[in-house]
Structure formats: C-alpha cells, structure tokens
Amino acid sequence: MAKQQSFADKANKLGKKSELMVMCPDTNKETKIINVRMVDAVKTEKGTYKFLDRNMKVYESTFKPYKP
C-alpha cells in the first residue's frame, strides 16, 4: 500500500512549488510573489452593489501588482 499523504504535506509541497523570488522595483530587495484575491465593490445603475473578484500576483513587501 502507498503512504497516505496528509493535507499538511500537500500544502507544503504546493507552497514550495509556487514560491517565486524576484527583485521588487520599489524597494530593490528580493521578495516573494504571492497570490491574493482582490474584491471590488461596484455600484450598478439600479443602486445595488456588485462584487467583482479576481486573483492577482503581488509583491509580498509592498503588495503592489506584479508585472512580469
């Protein structure tokens, strides 16, 4: 039988795989790129609010959008 993989093992494996180190243009220091979900509240013509969410990559040090 194969060894059962725990959730923590899977999360650590994926975390190491997606870790990307780059130079931040604002601070000129090496920083990680992290994935975040941005949620914007937009008011519609009817007066109700619509929530737009999107995934973005940002610099960990300044939280500014990552531009490859």
PDB file of N, CA and C in Angstrom:
ATOM      1  N   MET A   1       0.836  -1.202   0.000  1.00  0.00           N
ATOM      2  CA  MET A   1       0.000   0.000   0.000  1.00  0.00           C
ATOM      3  C   MET A   1       0.872   1.254   0.000  1.00  0.00           C
ATOM      4  N   ALA A   2       0.383   2.249  -0.647  1.00  0.00           N
ATOM      5  CA  ALA A   2       1.093   3.528  -0.703  1.00  0.00           C
ATOM      6  C   ALA A   2       0.839   4.314   0.581  1.00  0.00           C
ATOM      7  N   LYS A   3       1.789   5.173   0.910  1.00  0.00           N
ATOM      8  CA  LYS A   3       1.661   6.012   2.104  1.00  0.00           C
ATOM      9  C   LYS A   3       0.576   7.061   1.862  1.00  0.00           C
ATOM     10  N   GLN A   4      -0.279   7.253   2.828  1.00  0.00           N
ATOM     11  CA  GLN A   4      -1.302   8.289   2.738  1.00  0.00           C
ATOM     12  C   GLN A   4      -0.653   9.644   2.933  1.00  0.00           C
ATOM     13  N   GLN A   5      -0.978  10.579   2.059  1.00  0.00           N
ATOM     14  CA  GLN A   5      -0.414  11.922   2.143  1.00  0.00           C
ATOM     15  C   GLN A   5      -1.392  12.814   2.910  1.00  0.00           C
ATOM     16  N   SER A   6      -0.897  13.505   3.932  1.00  0.00           N
ATOM     17  CA  SER A   6      -1.766  14.365   4.733  1.00  0.00           C
ATOM     18  C   SER A   6      -1.981  15.698   4.030  1.00  0.00           C
ATOM     19  N   PHE A   7      -2.963  16.424   4.471  1.00  0.00           N
ATOM     20  CA  PHE A   7      -3.245  17.743   3.890  1.00  0.00           C
ATOM     21  C   PHE A   7      -2.066  18.688   4.094  1.00  0.00           C
ATOM     22  N   ALA A   8      -1.423  18.620   5.254  1.00  0.00           N
ATOM     23  CA  ALA A   8      -0.275  19.486   5.535  1.00  0.00           C
ATOM     24  C   ALA A   8       0.868  19.191   4.565  1.00  0.00           C
ATOM     25  N   ASP A   9       1.087  17.910   4.257  1.00  0.00           N
ATOM     26  CA  ASP A   9       2.135  17.556   3.295  1.00  0.00           C
ATOM     27  C   ASP A   9       1.824  18.126   1.916  1.00  0.00           C
ATOM     28  N   LYS A  10       0.574  18.035   1.491  1.00  0.00           N
ATOM     29  CA  LYS A  10       0.179  18.571   0.192  1.00  0.00           C
ATOM     30  C   LYS A  10       0.341  20.091   0.149  1.00  0.00           C
ATOM     31  N   ALA A  11      -0.071  20.762   1.206  1.00  0.00           N
ATOM     32  CA  ALA A  11       0.013  22.222   1.250  1.00  0.00           C
ATOM     33  C   ALA A  11       1.471  22.680   1.221  1.00  0.00           C
ATOM     34  N   ASN A  12       2.346  21.997   1.962  1.00  0.00           N
ATOM     35  CA  ASN A  12       3.764  22.351   1.955  1.00  0.00           C
ATOM     36  C   ASN A  12       4.384  22.132   0.583  1.00  0.00           C
ATOM     37  N   LYS A  13       4.008  21.052  -0.065  1.00  0.00           N
ATOM     38  CA  LYS A  13       4.543  20.742  -1.386  1.00  0.00           C
ATOM     39  C   LYS A  13       4.118  21.800  -2.400  1.00  0.00           C
ATOM     40  N   LEU A  14       2.850  22.190  -2.377  1.00  0.00           N
ATOM     41  CA  LEU A  14       2.364  23.216  -3.302  1.00  0.00           C
ATOM     42  C   LEU A  14       2.928  24.583  -2.967  1.00  0.00           C
ATOM     43  N   GLY A  15       3.111  24.884  -1.694  1.00  0.00           N
ATOM     44  CA  GLY A  15       3.658  26.169  -1.275  1.00  0.00           C
ATOM     45  C   GLY A  15       5.079  26.357  -1.761  1.00  0.00           C
ATOM     46  N   LYS A  16       5.884  25.318  -1.693  1.00  0.00           N
ATOM     47  CA  LYS A  16       7.267  25.399  -2.151  1.00  0.00           C
ATOM     48  C   LYS A  16       7.327  25.509  -3.664  1.00  0.00           C
ATOM     49  N   LYS A  17       6.407  24.852  -4.337  1.00  0.00           N
ATOM     50  CA  LYS A  17       6.398  24.853  -5.794  1.00  0.00           C
ATOM     51  C   LYS A  17       6.052  26.235  -6.343  1.00  0.00           C
ATOM     52  N   SER A  18       5.109  26.918  -5.731  1.00  0.00           N
ATOM     53  CA  SER A  18       4.638  28.192  -6.270  1.00  0.00           C
ATOM     54  C   SER A  18       5.417  29.396  -5.736  1.00  0.00           C
ATOM     55  N   GLU A  19       6.423  29.160  -4.890  1.00  0.00           N
ATOM     56  CA  GLU A  19       7.190  30.258  -4.318  1.00  0.00           C
ATOM     57  C   GLU A  19       8.132  30.827  -5.376  1.00  0.00           C
ATOM     58  N   LEU A  20       8.010  32.111  -5.635  1.00  0.00           N
ATOM     59  CA  LEU A  20       8.803  32.755  -6.671  1.00  0.00           C
ATOM     60  C   LEU A  20       9.499  33.964  -6.068  1.00  0.00           C
ATOM     61  N   MET A  21      10.818  33.985  -6.152  1.00  0.00           N
ATOM     62  CA  MET A  21      11.597  35.086  -5.600  1.00  0.00           C
ATOM     63  C   MET A  21      12.029  36.016  -6.730  1.00  0.00           C
ATOM     64  N   VAL A  22      11.731  37.319  -6.584  1.00  0.00           N
ATOM     65  CA  VAL A  22      12.099  38.323  -7.591  1.00  0.00           C
ATOM     66  C   VAL A  22      12.574  39.579  -6.874  1.00  0.00           C
ATOM     67  N   MET A  23      13.115  40.496  -7.646  1.00  0.00           N
ATOM     68  CA  MET A  23      13.544  41.787  -7.106  1.00  0.00           C
ATOM     69  C   MET A  23      12.364  42.759  -7.189  1.00  0.00           C
ATOM     70  N   CYS A  24      12.018  43.386  -6.080  1.00  0.00           N
ATOM     71  CA  CYS A  24      10.945  44.376  -6.049  1.00  0.00           C
ATOM     72  C   CYS A  24      11.488  45.691  -6.610  1.00  0.00           C
ATOM     73  N   PRO A  25      10.805  46.285  -7.607  1.00  0.00           N
ATOM     74  CA  PRO A  25      11.322  47.524  -8.196  1.00  0.00           C
ATOM     75  C   PRO A  25      11.258  48.718  -7.244  1.00  0.00           C
ATOM     76  N   ASP A  26      10.359  48.707  -6.270  1.00  0.00           N
ATOM     77  CA  ASP A  26      10.227  49.837  -5.348  1.00  0.00           C
ATOM     78  C   ASP A  26      11.300  49.822  -4.254  1.00  0.00           C
ATOM     79  N   THR A  27      11.548  48.651  -3.682  1.00  0.00           N
ATOM     80  CA  THR A  27      12.491  48.557  -2.566  1.00  0.00           C
ATOM     81  C   THR A  27      13.869  48.068  -2.984  1.00  0.00           C
ATOM     82  N   ASN A  28      13.991  47.551  -4.200  1.00  0.00           N
ATOM     83  CA  ASN A  28      15.237  46.969  -4.713  1.00  0.00           C
ATOM     84  C   ASN A  28      15.765  45.853  -3.810  1.00  0.00           C
ATOM     85  N   LYS A  29      14.860  45.104  -3.205  1.00  0.00           N
ATOM     86  CA  LYS A  29      15.220  43.955  -2.377  1.00  0.00           C
ATOM     87  C   LYS A  29      14.532  42.716  -2.946  1.00  0.00           C
ATOM     88  N   GLU A  30      15.077  41.568  -2.633  1.00  0.00           N
ATOM     89  CA  GLU A  30      14.493  40.318  -3.094  1.00  0.00           C
ATOM     90  C   GLU A  30      13.262  40.009  -2.251  1.00  0.00           C
ATOM     91  N   THR A  31      12.161  39.709  -2.902  1.00  0.00           N
ATOM     92  CA  THR A  31      10.906  39.433  -2.210  1.00  0.00           C
ATOM     93  C   THR A  31      10.145  38.333  -2.930  1.00  0.00           C
ATOM     94  N   LYS A  32       9.167  37.747  -2.245  1.00  0.00           N
ATOM     95  CA  LYS A  32       8.359  36.685  -2.829  1.00  0.00           C
ATOM     96  C   LYS A  32       7.167  37.282  -3.566  1.00  0.00           C
ATOM     97  N   ILE A  33       6.671  36.522  -4.524  1.00  0.00           N
ATOM     98  CA  ILE A  33       5.427  36.857  -5.215  1.00  0.00           C
ATOM     99  C   ILE A  33       4.341  35.999  -4.569  1.00  0.00           C
ATOM    100  N   ILE A  34       3.257  36.622  -4.133  1.00  0.00           N
ATOM    101  CA  ILE A  34       2.165  35.876  -3.512  1.00  0.00           C
ATOM    102  C   ILE A  34       0.889  36.088  -4.307  1.00  0.00           C
ATOM    103  N   ASN A  35      -0.003  35.125  -4.236  1.00  0.00           N
ATOM    104  CA  ASN A  35      -1.295  35.215  -4.900  1.00  0.00           C
ATOM    105  C   ASN A  35      -2.323  35.737  -3.909  1.00  0.00           C
ATOM    106  N   VAL A  36      -3.088  36.745  -4.314  1.00  0.00           N
ATOM    107  CA  VAL A  36      -4.147  37.291  -3.467  1.00  0.00           C
ATOM    108  C   VAL A  36      -5.424  37.416  -4.282  1.00  0.00           C
ATOM    109  N   ARG A  37      -6.541  37.487  -3.607  1.00  0.00           N
ATOM    110  CA  ARG A  37      -7.819  37.697  -4.268  1.00  0.00           C
ATOM    111  C   ARG A  37      -8.272  39.121  -3.977  1.00  0.00           C
ATOM    112  N   MET A  38      -8.457  39.901  -5.035  1.00  0.00           N
ATOM    113  CA  MET A  38      -8.900  41.281  -4.912  1.00  0.00           C
ATOM    114  C   MET A  38     -10.410  41.323  -5.146  1.00  0.00           C
ATOM    115  N   VAL A  39     -11.125  41.994  -4.255  1.00  0.00           N
ATOM    116  CA  VAL A  39     -12.578  42.120  -4.372  1.00  0.00           C
ATOM    117  C   VAL A  39     -12.915  43.603  -4.481  1.00  0.00           C
ATOM    118  N   ASP A  40     -13.608  43.967  -5.559  1.00  0.00           N
ATOM    119  CA  ASP A  40     -14.033  45.344  -5.776  1.00  0.00           C
ATOM    120  C   ASP A  40     -15.552  45.429  -5.676  1.00  0.00           C
ATOM    121  N   ALA A  41     -16.049  46.438  -4.974  1.00  0.00           N
ATOM    122  CA  ALA A  41     -17.484  46.679  -4.894  1.00  0.00           C
ATOM    123  C   ALA A  41     -17.824  47.760  -5.911  1.00  0.00           C
ATOM    124  N   VAL A  42     -18.699  47.416  -6.867  1.00  0.00           N
ATOM    125  CA  VAL A  42     -19.079  48.330  -7.937  1.00  0.00           C
ATOM    126  C   VAL A  42     -20.571  48.614  -7.817  1.00  0.00           C
ATOM    127  N   LYS A  43     -20.929  49.898  -7.801  1.00  0.00           N
ATOM    128  CA  LYS A  43     -22.332  50.271  -7.705  1.00  0.00           C
ATOM    129  C   LYS A  43     -22.956  50.231  -9.101  1.00  0.00           C
ATOM    130  N   THR A  44     -24.079  49.528  -9.235  1.00  0.00           N
ATOM    131  CA  THR A  44     -24.750  49.409 -10.531  1.00  0.00           C
ATOM    132  C   THR A  44     -25.692  50.589 -10.739  1.00  0.00           C
ATOM    133  N   GLU A  45     -26.291  50.651 -11.918  1.00  0.00           N
ATOM    134  CA  GLU A  45     -27.227  51.742 -12.231  1.00  0.00           C
ATOM    135  C   GLU A  45     -28.466  51.696 -11.336  1.00  0.00           C
ATOM    136  N   LYS A  46     -28.877  50.520 -10.913  1.00  0.00           N
ATOM    137  CA  LYS A  46     -30.055  50.368 -10.059  1.00  0.00           C
ATOM    138  C   LYS A  46     -29.798  50.790  -8.619  1.00  0.00           C
ATOM    139  N   GLY A  47     -28.552  51.001  -8.268  1.00  0.00           N
ATOM    140  CA  GLY A  47     -28.216  51.398  -6.903  1.00  0.00           C
ATOM    141  C   GLY A  47     -27.744  50.245  -6.041  1.00  0.00           C
ATOM    142  N   THR A  48     -27.729  49.034  -6.585  1.00  0.00           N
ATOM    143  CA  THR A  48     -27.230  47.899  -5.816  1.00  0.00           C
ATOM    144  C   THR A  48     -25.727  47.752  -6.054  1.00  0.00           C
ATOM    145  N   TYR A  49     -25.100  46.920  -5.266  1.00  0.00           N
ATOM    146  CA  TYR A  49     -23.668  46.710  -5.383  1.00  0.00           C
ATOM    147  C   TYR A  49     -23.380  45.336  -5.972  1.00  0.00           C
ATOM    148  N   LYS A  50     -22.402  45.318  -6.826  1.00  0.00           N
ATOM    149  CA  LYS A  50     -21.957  44.078  -7.437  1.00  0.00           C
ATOM    150  C   LYS A  50     -20.493  43.891  -7.031  1.00  0.00           C
ATOM    151  N   PHE A  51     -20.142  42.677  -6.635  1.00  0.00           N
ATOM    152  CA  PHE A  51     -18.790  42.402  -6.187  1.00  0.00           C
ATOM    153  C   PHE A  51     -18.029  41.664  -7.284  1.00  0.00           C
ATOM    154  N   LEU A  52     -16.924  42.253  -7.712  1.00  0.00           N
ATOM    155  CA  LEU A  52     -16.066  41.643  -8.710  1.00  0.00           C
ATOM    156  C   LEU A  52     -14.809  41.153  -8.012  1.00  0.00           C
ATOM    157  N   ASP A  53     -14.528  39.887  -8.164  1.00  0.00           N
ATOM    158  CA  ASP A  53     -13.303  39.377  -7.547  1.00  0.00           C
ATOM    159  C   ASP A  53     -12.390  38.824  -8.625  1.00  0.00           C
ATOM    160  N   ARG A  54     -11.095  38.957  -8.367  1.00  0.00           N
ATOM    161  CA  ARG A  54     -10.096  38.473  -9.304  1.00  0.00           C
ATOM    162  C   ARG A  54      -8.850  38.081  -8.520  1.00  0.00           C
ATOM    163  N   ASN A  55      -8.122  37.152  -9.074  1.00  0.00           N
ATOM    164  CA  ASN A  55      -6.868  36.710  -8.466  1.00  0.00           C
ATOM    165  C   ASN A  55      -5.732  37.494  -9.089  1.00  0.00           C
ATOM    166  N   MET A  56      -4.792  37.932  -8.254  1.00  0.00           N
ATOM    167  CA  MET A  56      -3.652  38.703  -8.728  1.00  0.00           C
ATOM    168  C   MET A  56      -2.378  38.207  -8.055  1.00  0.00           C
ATOM    169  N   LYS A  57      -1.255  38.456  -8.699  1.00  0.00           N
ATOM    170  CA  LYS A  57       0.048  38.213  -8.091  1.00  0.00           C
ATOM    171  C   LYS A  57       0.588  39.563  -7.651  1.00  0.00           C
ATOM    172  N   VAL A  58       1.061  39.642  -6.401  1.00  0.00           N
ATOM    173  CA  VAL A  58       1.584  40.899  -5.864  1.00  0.00           C
ATOM    174  C   VAL A  58       2.923  40.632  -5.173  1.00  0.00           C
ATOM    175  N   TYR A  59       3.715  41.704  -5.007  1.00  0.00           N
ATOM    176  CA  TYR A  59       4.956  41.624  -4.250  1.00  0.00           C
ATOM    177  C   TYR A  59       4.614  41.543  -2.772  1.00  0.00           C
ATOM    178  N   GLU A  60       5.277  40.660  -2.039  1.00  0.00           N
ATOM    179  CA  GLU A  60       4.978  40.496  -0.615  1.00  0.00           C
ATOM    180  C   GLU A  60       5.393  41.723   0.195  1.00  0.00           C
ATOM    181  N   SER A  61       6.441  42.419  -0.220  1.00  0.00           N
ATOM    182  CA  SER A  61       6.942  43.546   0.564  1.00  0.00           C
ATOM    183  C   SER A  61       6.068  44.803   0.429  1.00  0.00           C
ATOM    184  N   THR A  62       5.520  45.053  -0.765  1.00  0.00           N
ATOM    185  CA  THR A  62       4.764  46.303  -0.978  1.00  0.00           C
ATOM    186  C   THR A  62       3.313  46.077  -1.353  1.00  0.00           C
ATOM    187  N   PHE A  63       2.929  44.865  -1.665  1.00  0.00           N
ATOM    188  CA  PHE A  63       1.564  44.500  -2.093  1.00  0.00           C
ATOM    189  C   PHE A  63       1.142  45.260  -3.351  1.00  0.00           C
ATOM    190  N   LYS A  64       2.094  45.627  -4.188  1.00  0.00           N
ATOM    191  CA  LYS A  64       1.776  46.238  -5.476  1.00  0.00           C
ATOM    192  C   LYS A  64       1.708  45.119  -6.513  1.00  0.00           C
ATOM    193  N   PRO A  65       0.897  45.297  -7.576  1.00  0.00           N
ATOM    194  CA  PRO A  65       0.753  44.246  -8.580  1.00  0.00           C
ATOM    195  C   PRO A  65       2.081  43.863  -9.237  1.00  0.00           C
ATOM    196  N   TYR A  66       2.227  42.568  -9.466  1.00  0.00           N
ATOM    197  CA  TYR A  66       3.440  42.031 -10.101  1.00  0.00           C
ATOM    198  C   TYR A  66       3.289  42.142 -11.608  1.00  0.00           C
ATOM    199  N   LYS A  67       4.275  42.736 -12.242  1.00  0.00           N
ATOM    200  CA  LYS A  67       4.283  42.864 -13.706  1.00  0.00           C
ATOM    201  C   LYS A  67       5.484  42.093 -14.236  1.00  0.00           C
ATOM    202  N   PRO A  68       5.250  40.943 -14.906  1.00  0.00           N
ATOM    203  CA  PRO A  68       6.386  40.127 -15.399  1.00  0.00           C
ATOM    204  C   PRO A  68       7.145  40.794 -16.532  1.00  0.00           C
TER     205      PRO A  68
END
